[in-house]
Structure formats: C-alpha cells, structure tokens
Amino acid sequence: MVKHDRGAGDYTGDVSPGGDPDVRVLGDFSVTKVAVDPEMSNNCYLLLCSVTDEVVLIDAAAEPDRLLELIGDRSLTSIVTTHQHWDHHRALAAVKAAHPSAHVVAGAPDADAIEEQTGVRVERRVGAGDKVAVGPCDLVVVPVAGHTPGSICLLLDDPAVAPSPHLFTGDSLFPGGVGATFGDADAFAQLISEVETKIFDRLPDDTWFYPGHGGDGRLGDERPHLAEWRERGW
C-alpha cells in the first residue's frame, strides 16, 4: 500500500527499507519517496508529472525491481545520481537497461567515477543552473561540493506547483547537519560554506528538503544551528 499526501496532508517522509513508499502530491506534480537496502537505508525519489505521465528518478540506489515496479509503464525521462558514492547508484545499470531512452544525469566532476563504478555512460554532465525537466516543471541543479567534488542538489521552485520550494539534497544536507567529509577538514569547510551560501542564503525557511538517507527537513528548523555545525566540524 502507498500512503498519499495531498499537499499538507499525511505526508511525513518517514520511510524504511521494506516498508511502504510515501507520496506527496502537489497538484500535477508528485514525489514518491522509498527507502531501499536495510544496511544502507538509501532514499530514492520518483518525481511524476501526472499531465504527461513522465517520471524522473533521483538516485537508483538499490533494489531495481522495486524501483521499476514503482515506475511502471510510465515514461522515465531522466535518472539523476546525486553523487558518486557506490550506495547511490547500485541499481543504475538495471534501471537504465529497462528504460534505455532515459537520460543518465550527474554532476560533471563526479561523472567519470560514476561511469567507472557502474559501466553506465553519464549522458548529461550538469552544473550550476542546468535543468532537469519533469514534464513542464524544471528541477534546477545546485552543485554543492564537499561530500564529493560533484555532489548536486535539485531545486523545485515553481509557485505554480507549490507555494514553497522543494530541494533534493543527496548526502550534502540532512536534518541535524551536513554530509560526512570523513575527517577531511578542507572538505568540511567547503561543504558547510557551500551549504550556507547556495542553500540557506538563497532559500526561505519553509523550503522542504529531501536527503539521501533518513527523514526530511525544513530549512527554517536547521538554520539556527549552522554556527554550531561549523564549530563542531561535522
């Protein structure tokens, strides 16, 4: 069974591997969130335009059969990989094989590594301001380096779809902090600075964000803690 949310209804974003997906419906645009792999508990997001029946998949992380079942007979137009880490693209080859016309999309600095790890060609190497279409809606690419050199976030900021922005952050931003930088102080400094300048300085408090693992968040809930994150160094 799939839980459905009609805007501000029952959607929570709380999903677990083996459990039901959660669906947020924003007019003709919807977000289906599903968690895969009990060990890594990755989030995958299917973004659907109900007018065109076109779908974009963010992070084909694992369990390709489950992802393909959720996609169904809709037109998968793009498969976006938020960054090069292995746990975010284990199902990429299988999903691409089932939907060969779908464009494989990734941040340009991570694209070579994704190709080497998956054997799948990255057909669109994107950077700041590039767009990924979901029917008539556009997701705008926001590069946020630090977790990996080519990590990207995807921003839906269209008042015709939703009154507040929606941001898919991969492993760059979570409730409670930025992504891991594995003890690399320079990488952390880059990541926290880019999260501040490219996300918090540009987007309002009511921006809802969807990370690569775990529950969703709101920028307004996290904004008061930025100095704390910078001070603690992770």
C-alpha atoms as a PDB file:
ATOM      1  CA  MET A   1       0.000   0.000   0.000  1.00  0.00           C
ATOM      2  CA  VAL A   2       1.244   3.526  -0.812  1.00  0.00           C
ATOM      3  CA  LYS A   3       0.439   6.390   1.522  1.00  0.00           C
ATOM      4  CA  HIS A   4      -0.700   9.559  -0.238  1.00  0.00           C
ATOM      5  CA  ASP A   5      -0.451  13.176   0.768  1.00  0.00           C
ATOM      6  CA  ARG A   6      -2.490  15.946  -0.816  1.00  0.00           C
ATOM      7  CA  GLY A   7      -0.209  18.910  -0.245  1.00  0.00           C
ATOM      8  CA  ALA A   8      -0.130  19.457   3.534  1.00  0.00           C
ATOM      9  CA  GLY A   9      -1.885  16.190   4.374  1.00  0.00           C
ATOM     10  CA  ASP A  10      -0.417  12.999   5.780  1.00  0.00           C
ATOM     11  CA  TYR A  11       2.989  13.006   4.076  1.00  0.00           C
ATOM     12  CA  THR A  12       5.843  12.730   6.576  1.00  0.00           C
ATOM     13  CA  GLY A  13       8.770  11.398   4.542  1.00  0.00           C
ATOM     14  CA  ASP A  14       9.326   8.713   7.165  1.00  0.00           C
ATOM     15  CA  VAL A  15      10.047   5.530   5.207  1.00  0.00           C
ATOM     16  CA  SER A  16      12.076   2.413   5.907  1.00  0.00           C
ATOM     17  CA  PRO A  17      13.555  -0.377   3.765  1.00  0.00           C
ATOM     18  CA  GLY A  18      10.897  -2.983   3.027  1.00  0.00           C
ATOM     19  CA  GLY A  19       8.155  -0.572   4.085  1.00  0.00           C
ATOM     20  CA  ASP A  20       5.625   1.416   2.113  1.00  0.00           C
ATOM     21  CA  PRO A  21       6.640   4.385  -0.011  1.00  0.00           C
ATOM     22  CA  ASP A  22       5.251   7.777   0.961  1.00  0.00           C
ATOM     23  CA  VAL A  23       3.756  10.078  -1.660  1.00  0.00           C
ATOM     24  CA  ARG A  24       3.361  13.857  -1.632  1.00  0.00           C
ATOM     25  CA  VAL A  25       1.016  15.228  -4.288  1.00  0.00           C
ATOM     26  CA  LEU A  26       1.492  18.860  -5.299  1.00  0.00           C
ATOM     27  CA  GLY A  27      -1.157  19.474  -7.937  1.00  0.00           C
ATOM     28  CA  ASP A  28       0.020  17.783 -11.130  1.00  0.00           C
ATOM     29  CA  PHE A  29       3.438  17.033  -9.598  1.00  0.00           C
ATOM     30  CA  SER A  30       4.128  14.270  -7.086  1.00  0.00           C
ATOM     31  CA  VAL A  31       7.064  12.954  -5.090  1.00  0.00           C
ATOM     32  CA  THR A  32       7.259   9.256  -4.214  1.00  0.00           C
ATOM     33  CA  LYS A  33       9.866   8.505  -1.565  1.00  0.00           C
ATOM     34  CA  VAL A  34      11.024   4.930  -0.991  1.00  0.00           C
ATOM     35  CA  ALA A  35      13.827   3.523   1.156  1.00  0.00           C
ATOM     36  CA  VAL A  36      15.943   0.631  -0.129  1.00  0.00           C
ATOM     37  CA  ASP A  37      18.609  -1.704   1.312  1.00  0.00           C
ATOM     38  CA  PRO A  38      18.286  -2.469   5.045  1.00  0.00           C
ATOM     39  CA  GLU A  39      22.023  -1.934   5.575  1.00  0.00           C
ATOM     40  CA  MET A  40      22.412   1.499   3.959  1.00  0.00           C
ATOM     41  CA  SER A  41      18.768   2.693   4.027  1.00  0.00           C
ATOM     42  CA  ASN A  42      19.064   4.882   0.955  1.00  0.00           C
ATOM     43  CA  ASN A  43      16.225   7.118  -0.151  1.00  0.00           C
ATOM     44  CA  CYS A  44      15.121   7.062  -3.794  1.00  0.00           C
ATOM     45  CA  TYR A  45      12.716   9.649  -5.182  1.00  0.00           C
ATOM     46  CA  LEU A  46      10.373   9.284  -8.145  1.00  0.00           C
ATOM     47  CA  LEU A  47       9.078  12.608  -9.394  1.00  0.00           C
ATOM     48  CA  LEU A  48       5.958  12.362 -11.547  1.00  0.00           C
ATOM     49  CA  CYS A  49       4.149  14.829 -13.778  1.00  0.00           C
ATOM     50  CA  SER A  50       0.600  13.471 -13.951  1.00  0.00           C
ATOM     51  CA  VAL A  51      -0.200  15.583 -17.040  1.00  0.00           C
ATOM     52  CA  THR A  52       2.481  13.974 -19.222  1.00  0.00           C
ATOM     53  CA  ASP A  53       2.926  10.756 -17.186  1.00  0.00           C
ATOM     54  CA  GLU A  54       6.679  11.402 -17.233  1.00  0.00           C
ATOM     55  CA  VAL A  55       8.917  10.353 -14.353  1.00  0.00           C
ATOM     56  CA  VAL A  56      12.373  11.361 -13.128  1.00  0.00           C
ATOM     57  CA  LEU A  57      14.230   9.088 -10.699  1.00  0.00           C
ATOM     58  CA  ILE A  58      16.682  10.581  -8.209  1.00  0.00           C
ATOM     59  CA  ASP A  59      19.273   8.002  -7.061  1.00  0.00           C
ATOM     60  CA  ALA A  60      18.765   4.478  -8.390  1.00  0.00           C
ATOM     61  CA  ALA A  61      20.373   3.312  -5.173  1.00  0.00           C
ATOM     62  CA  ALA A  62      19.414  -0.387  -4.927  1.00  0.00           C
ATOM     63  CA  GLU A  63      16.562  -2.886  -5.394  1.00  0.00           C
ATOM     64  CA  PRO A  64      15.980  -2.231  -9.103  1.00  0.00           C
ATOM     65  CA  ASP A  65      12.926  -4.495  -9.265  1.00  0.00           C
ATOM     66  CA  ARG A  66      11.196  -2.365  -6.667  1.00  0.00           C
ATOM     67  CA  LEU A  67      12.085   0.863  -8.435  1.00  0.00           C
ATOM     68  CA  LEU A  68      10.932  -0.489 -11.787  1.00  0.00           C
ATOM     69  CA  GLU A  69       7.642  -1.578 -10.239  1.00  0.00           C
ATOM     70  CA  LEU A  70       7.074   1.943  -8.914  1.00  0.00           C
ATOM     71  CA  ILE A  71       7.908   3.450 -12.313  1.00  0.00           C
ATOM     72  CA  GLY A  72       5.537   1.012 -14.028  1.00  0.00           C
ATOM     73  CA  ASP A  73       4.722   1.760 -17.650  1.00  0.00           C
ATOM     74  CA  ARG A  74       5.323   5.496 -17.311  1.00  0.00           C
ATOM     75  CA  SER A  75       7.941   7.287 -19.377  1.00  0.00           C
ATOM     76  CA  LEU A  76      11.176   7.550 -17.377  1.00  0.00           C
ATOM     77  CA  THR A  77      12.896  10.578 -18.873  1.00  0.00           C
ATOM     78  CA  SER A  78      15.918  11.026 -16.566  1.00  0.00           C
ATOM     79  CA  ILE A  79      17.851   9.104 -13.908  1.00  0.00           C
ATOM     80  CA  VAL A  80      19.765  11.535 -11.711  1.00  0.00           C
ATOM     81  CA  THR A  81      22.632  10.363  -9.497  1.00  0.00           C
ATOM     82  CA  THR A  82      23.293  12.933  -6.781  1.00  0.00           C
ATOM     83  CA  HIS A  83      26.924  11.899  -6.262  1.00  0.00           C
ATOM     84  CA  GLN A  84      29.497   9.225  -6.961  1.00  0.00           C
ATOM     85  CA  HIS A  85      29.286   7.094  -3.799  1.00  0.00           C
ATOM     86  CA  TRP A  86      28.551   3.445  -4.555  1.00  0.00           C
ATOM     87  CA  ASP A  87      25.430   3.171  -2.403  1.00  0.00           C
ATOM     88  CA  HIS A  88      23.582   5.731  -4.546  1.00  0.00           C
ATOM     89  CA  HIS A  89      23.841   4.009  -7.931  1.00  0.00           C
ATOM     90  CA  ARG A  90      23.786   0.221  -7.493  1.00  0.00           C
ATOM     91  CA  ALA A  91      20.522  -0.076  -9.453  1.00  0.00           C
ATOM     92  CA  LEU A  92      21.508   2.390 -12.157  1.00  0.00           C
ATOM     93  CA  ALA A  93      22.576  -0.169 -14.755  1.00  0.00           C
ATOM     94  CA  ALA A  94      19.391  -2.253 -14.360  1.00  0.00           C
ATOM     95  CA  VAL A  95      17.050   0.735 -14.454  1.00  0.00           C
ATOM     96  CA  LYS A  96      18.818   2.201 -17.479  1.00  0.00           C
ATOM     97  CA  ALA A  97      18.649  -1.178 -19.254  1.00  0.00           C
ATOM     98  CA  ALA A  98      14.882  -1.285 -18.673  1.00  0.00           C
ATOM     99  CA  HIS A  99      14.456   2.336 -19.820  1.00  0.00           C
ATOM    100  CA  PRO A 100      17.168   2.910 -22.432  1.00  0.00           C
ATOM    101  CA  SER A 101      15.739   6.259 -23.560  1.00  0.00           C
ATOM    102  CA  ALA A 102      16.109   7.773 -20.060  1.00  0.00           C
ATOM    103  CA  HIS A 103      18.975  10.253 -19.787  1.00  0.00           C
ATOM    104  CA  VAL A 104      21.572   9.461 -17.117  1.00  0.00           C
ATOM    105  CA  VAL A 105      22.399  12.698 -15.287  1.00  0.00           C
ATOM    106  CA  ALA A 106      25.144  13.555 -12.764  1.00  0.00           C
ATOM    107  CA  GLY A 107      27.314  16.427 -11.645  1.00  0.00           C
ATOM    108  CA  ALA A 108      30.213  16.839 -14.055  1.00  0.00           C
ATOM    109  CA  PRO A 109      33.053  16.347 -11.501  1.00  0.00           C
ATOM    110  CA  ASP A 110      31.583  13.005 -10.363  1.00  0.00           C
ATOM    111  CA  ALA A 111      30.575  11.678 -13.779  1.00  0.00           C
ATOM    112  CA  ASP A 112      33.779   9.759 -14.585  1.00  0.00           C
ATOM    113  CA  ALA A 113      33.684   7.923 -11.260  1.00  0.00           C
ATOM    114  CA  ILE A 114      30.021   7.009 -11.726  1.00  0.00           C
ATOM    115  CA  GLU A 115      30.770   5.628 -15.183  1.00  0.00           C
ATOM    116  CA  GLU A 116      33.711   3.592 -13.882  1.00  0.00           C
ATOM    117  CA  GLN A 117      31.729   2.161 -10.981  1.00  0.00           C
ATOM    118  CA  THR A 118      28.521   1.348 -12.880  1.00  0.00           C
ATOM    119  CA  GLY A 119      29.547   0.795 -16.503  1.00  0.00           C
ATOM    120  CA  VAL A 120      26.796   3.249 -17.479  1.00  0.00           C
ATOM    121  CA  ARG A 121      27.527   6.354 -19.532  1.00  0.00           C
ATOM    122  CA  VAL A 122      26.550   9.660 -17.971  1.00  0.00           C
ATOM    123  CA  GLU A 123      24.816  11.342 -20.882  1.00  0.00           C
ATOM    124  CA  ARG A 124      24.249  14.694 -19.170  1.00  0.00           C
ATOM    125  CA  ARG A 125      27.090  16.134 -17.110  1.00  0.00           C
ATOM    126  CA  VAL A 126      25.415  19.024 -15.348  1.00  0.00           C
ATOM    127  CA  GLY A 127      26.469  22.101 -13.431  1.00  0.00           C
ATOM    128  CA  ALA A 128      25.026  25.182 -11.782  1.00  0.00           C
ATOM    129  CA  GLY A 129      21.747  26.336 -13.277  1.00  0.00           C
ATOM    130  CA  ASP A 130      21.248  23.373 -15.578  1.00  0.00           C
ATOM    131  CA  LYS A 131      17.723  21.997 -15.565  1.00  0.00           C
ATOM    132  CA  VAL A 132      16.149  18.542 -15.467  1.00  0.00           C
ATOM    133  CA  ALA A 133      12.601  18.517 -16.795  1.00  0.00           C
ATOM    134  CA  VAL A 134       9.722  16.692 -15.125  1.00  0.00           C
ATOM    135  CA  GLY A 135       7.021  17.271 -17.718  1.00  0.00           C
ATOM    136  CA  PRO A 136       6.560  21.070 -17.835  1.00  0.00           C
ATOM    137  CA  CYS A 137       8.321  21.523 -14.462  1.00  0.00           C
ATOM    138  CA  ASP A 138      12.042  22.093 -14.075  1.00  0.00           C
ATOM    139  CA  LEU A 139      14.442  20.942 -11.403  1.00  0.00           C
ATOM    140  CA  VAL A 140      17.373  23.353 -11.190  1.00  0.00           C
ATOM    141  CA  VAL A 141      20.812  21.894 -10.481  1.00  0.00           C
ATOM    142  CA  VAL A 142      22.617  23.325  -7.440  1.00  0.00           C
ATOM    143  CA  PRO A 143      26.180  21.950  -7.145  1.00  0.00           C
ATOM    144  CA  VAL A 144      27.285  21.591  -3.503  1.00  0.00           C
ATOM    145  CA  ALA A 145      30.827  20.226  -3.285  1.00  0.00           C
ATOM    146  CA  GLY A 146      32.468  18.772  -0.196  1.00  0.00           C
ATOM    147  CA  HIS A 147      30.819  15.413   0.413  1.00  0.00           C
ATOM    148  CA  THR A 148      32.117  14.615  -3.062  1.00  0.00           C
ATOM    149  CA  PRO A 149      33.512  17.030  -5.667  1.00  0.00           C
ATOM    150  CA  GLY A 150      30.481  16.661  -7.928  1.00  0.00           C
ATOM    151  CA  SER A 151      27.570  16.366  -5.492  1.00  0.00           C
ATOM    152  CA  ILE A 152      24.421  18.072  -6.715  1.00  0.00           C
ATOM    153  CA  CYS A 153      21.128  19.162  -5.204  1.00  0.00           C
ATOM    154  CA  LEU A 154      17.961  19.585  -7.254  1.00  0.00           C
ATOM    155  CA  LEU A 155      15.608  22.506  -6.626  1.00  0.00           C
ATOM    156  CA  LEU A 156      11.921  22.704  -7.485  1.00  0.00           C
ATOM    157  CA  ASP A 157      10.951  26.350  -7.024  1.00  0.00           C
ATOM    158  CA  ASP A 158       7.780  26.952  -9.019  1.00  0.00           C
ATOM    159  CA  PRO A 159       4.823  28.744  -7.381  1.00  0.00           C
ATOM    160  CA  ALA A 160       2.542  27.138  -9.965  1.00  0.00           C
ATOM    161  CA  VAL A 161       3.422  23.743  -8.446  1.00  0.00           C
ATOM    162  CA  ALA A 162       3.900  24.529  -4.754  1.00  0.00           C
ATOM    163  CA  PRO A 163       3.908  27.713  -2.656  1.00  0.00           C
ATOM    164  CA  SER A 164       7.295  26.863  -1.111  1.00  0.00           C
ATOM    165  CA  PRO A 165      10.466  25.374  -2.626  1.00  0.00           C
ATOM    166  CA  HIS A 166      11.363  21.674  -2.506  1.00  0.00           C
ATOM    167  CA  LEU A 167      15.023  20.650  -2.514  1.00  0.00           C
ATOM    168  CA  PHE A 168      16.562  17.197  -3.044  1.00  0.00           C
ATOM    169  CA  THR A 169      19.917  17.281  -1.263  1.00  0.00           C
ATOM    170  CA  GLY A 170      21.548  13.879  -1.729  1.00  0.00           C
ATOM    171  CA  ASP A 171      24.118  13.465   1.047  1.00  0.00           C
ATOM    172  CA  SER A 172      25.016  17.159   1.269  1.00  0.00           C
ATOM    173  CA  LEU A 173      22.408  18.202   3.856  1.00  0.00           C
ATOM    174  CA  PHE A 174      20.420  16.302   6.484  1.00  0.00           C
ATOM    175  CA  PRO A 175      18.312  17.286   9.467  1.00  0.00           C
ATOM    176  CA  GLY A 176      20.977  17.906  12.082  1.00  0.00           C
ATOM    177  CA  GLY A 177      23.954  18.613   9.865  1.00  0.00           C
ATOM    178  CA  VAL A 178      25.805  18.470   6.580  1.00  0.00           C
ATOM    179  CA  GLY A 179      27.044  15.276   4.951  1.00  0.00           C
ATOM    180  CA  ALA A 180      30.105  13.340   6.030  1.00  0.00           C
ATOM    181  CA  THR A 181      33.532  14.556   4.966  1.00  0.00           C
ATOM    182  CA  PHE A 182      35.431  11.666   6.558  1.00  0.00           C
ATOM    183  CA  GLY A 183      37.803  13.722   8.684  1.00  0.00           C
ATOM    184  CA  ASP A 184      38.882  15.996   5.832  1.00  0.00           C
ATOM    185  CA  ALA A 185      38.841  19.490   7.351  1.00  0.00           C
ATOM    186  CA  ASP A 186      39.155  21.231   3.992  1.00  0.00           C
ATOM    187  CA  ALA A 187      36.265  19.252   2.538  1.00  0.00           C
ATOM    188  CA  PHE A 188      34.119  20.078   5.563  1.00  0.00           C
ATOM    189  CA  ALA A 189      34.941  23.777   5.277  1.00  0.00           C
ATOM    190  CA  GLN A 190      33.961  23.685   1.609  1.00  0.00           C
ATOM    191  CA  LEU A 191      30.747  21.770   2.273  1.00  0.00           C
ATOM    192  CA  ILE A 192      29.478  23.914   5.155  1.00  0.00           C
ATOM    193  CA  SER A 193      30.306  27.088   3.226  1.00  0.00           C
ATOM    194  CA  GLU A 194      28.530  25.928   0.078  1.00  0.00           C
ATOM    195  CA  VAL A 195      25.500  24.726   2.047  1.00  0.00           C
ATOM    196  CA  GLU A 196      25.305  28.169   3.671  1.00  0.00           C
ATOM    197  CA  THR A 197      25.798  30.257   0.552  1.00  0.00           C
ATOM    198  CA  LYS A 198      23.983  28.153  -2.037  1.00  0.00           C
ATOM    199  CA  ILE A 199      21.104  26.847   0.078  1.00  0.00           C
ATOM    200  CA  PHE A 200      20.471  28.754   3.314  1.00  0.00           C
ATOM    201  CA  ASP A 201      21.368  32.209   1.951  1.00  0.00           C
ATOM    202  CA  ARG A 202      19.158  31.746  -1.107  1.00  0.00           C
ATOM    203  CA  LEU A 203      16.116  29.787   0.039  1.00  0.00           C
ATOM    204  CA  PRO A 204      13.387  30.582   2.592  1.00  0.00           C
ATOM    205  CA  ASP A 205      12.710  28.854   5.884  1.00  0.00           C
ATOM    206  CA  ASP A 206       9.700  26.956   4.529  1.00  0.00           C
ATOM    207  CA  THR A 207      11.848  25.099   1.976  1.00  0.00           C
ATOM    208  CA  TRP A 208      11.284  21.371   2.432  1.00  0.00           C
ATOM    209  CA  PHE A 209      14.355  19.233   1.787  1.00  0.00           C
ATOM    210  CA  TYR A 210      14.672  15.555   0.962  1.00  0.00           C
ATOM    211  CA  PRO A 211      18.022  13.890   1.810  1.00  0.00           C
ATOM    212  CA  GLY A 212      19.691  10.726   0.580  1.00  0.00           C
ATOM    213  CA  HIS A 213      19.100   8.851   3.858  1.00  0.00           C
ATOM    214  CA  GLY A 214      16.609   9.235   6.692  1.00  0.00           C
ATOM    215  CA  GLY A 215      13.860  11.754   7.302  1.00  0.00           C
ATOM    216  CA  ASP A 216      13.131  15.024   5.542  1.00  0.00           C
ATOM    217  CA  GLY A 217      13.644  18.505   6.980  1.00  0.00           C
ATOM    218  CA  ARG A 218      12.807  22.207   6.738  1.00  0.00           C
ATOM    219  CA  LEU A 219      15.475  24.835   6.301  1.00  0.00           C
ATOM    220  CA  GLY A 220      13.920  27.003   8.997  1.00  0.00           C
ATOM    221  CA  ASP A 221      14.397  24.259  11.574  1.00  0.00           C
ATOM    222  CA  GLU A 222      18.073  23.847  10.692  1.00  0.00           C
ATOM    223  CA  ARG A 223      19.104  27.469  10.116  1.00  0.00           C
ATOM    224  CA  PRO A 224      19.662  28.320  13.816  1.00  0.00           C
ATOM    225  CA  HIS A 225      22.235  25.515  14.075  1.00  0.00           C
ATOM    226  CA  LEU A 226      24.595  26.482  11.241  1.00  0.00           C
ATOM    227  CA  ALA A 227      27.149  28.123  13.537  1.00  0.00           C
ATOM    228  CA  GLU A 228      27.016  25.074  15.824  1.00  0.00           C
ATOM    229  CA  TRP A 229      27.710  22.750  12.897  1.00  0.00           C
ATOM    230  CA  ARG A 230      30.648  24.855  11.784  1.00  0.00           C
ATOM    231  CA  GLU A 231      32.055  24.952  15.304  1.00  0.00           C
ATOM    232  CA  ARG A 232      31.838  21.192  15.861  1.00  0.00           C
ATOM    233  CA  GLY A 233      33.417  20.459  12.457  1.00  0.00           C
ATOM    234  CA  TRP A 234      30.927  17.920  11.160  1.00  0.00           C
END
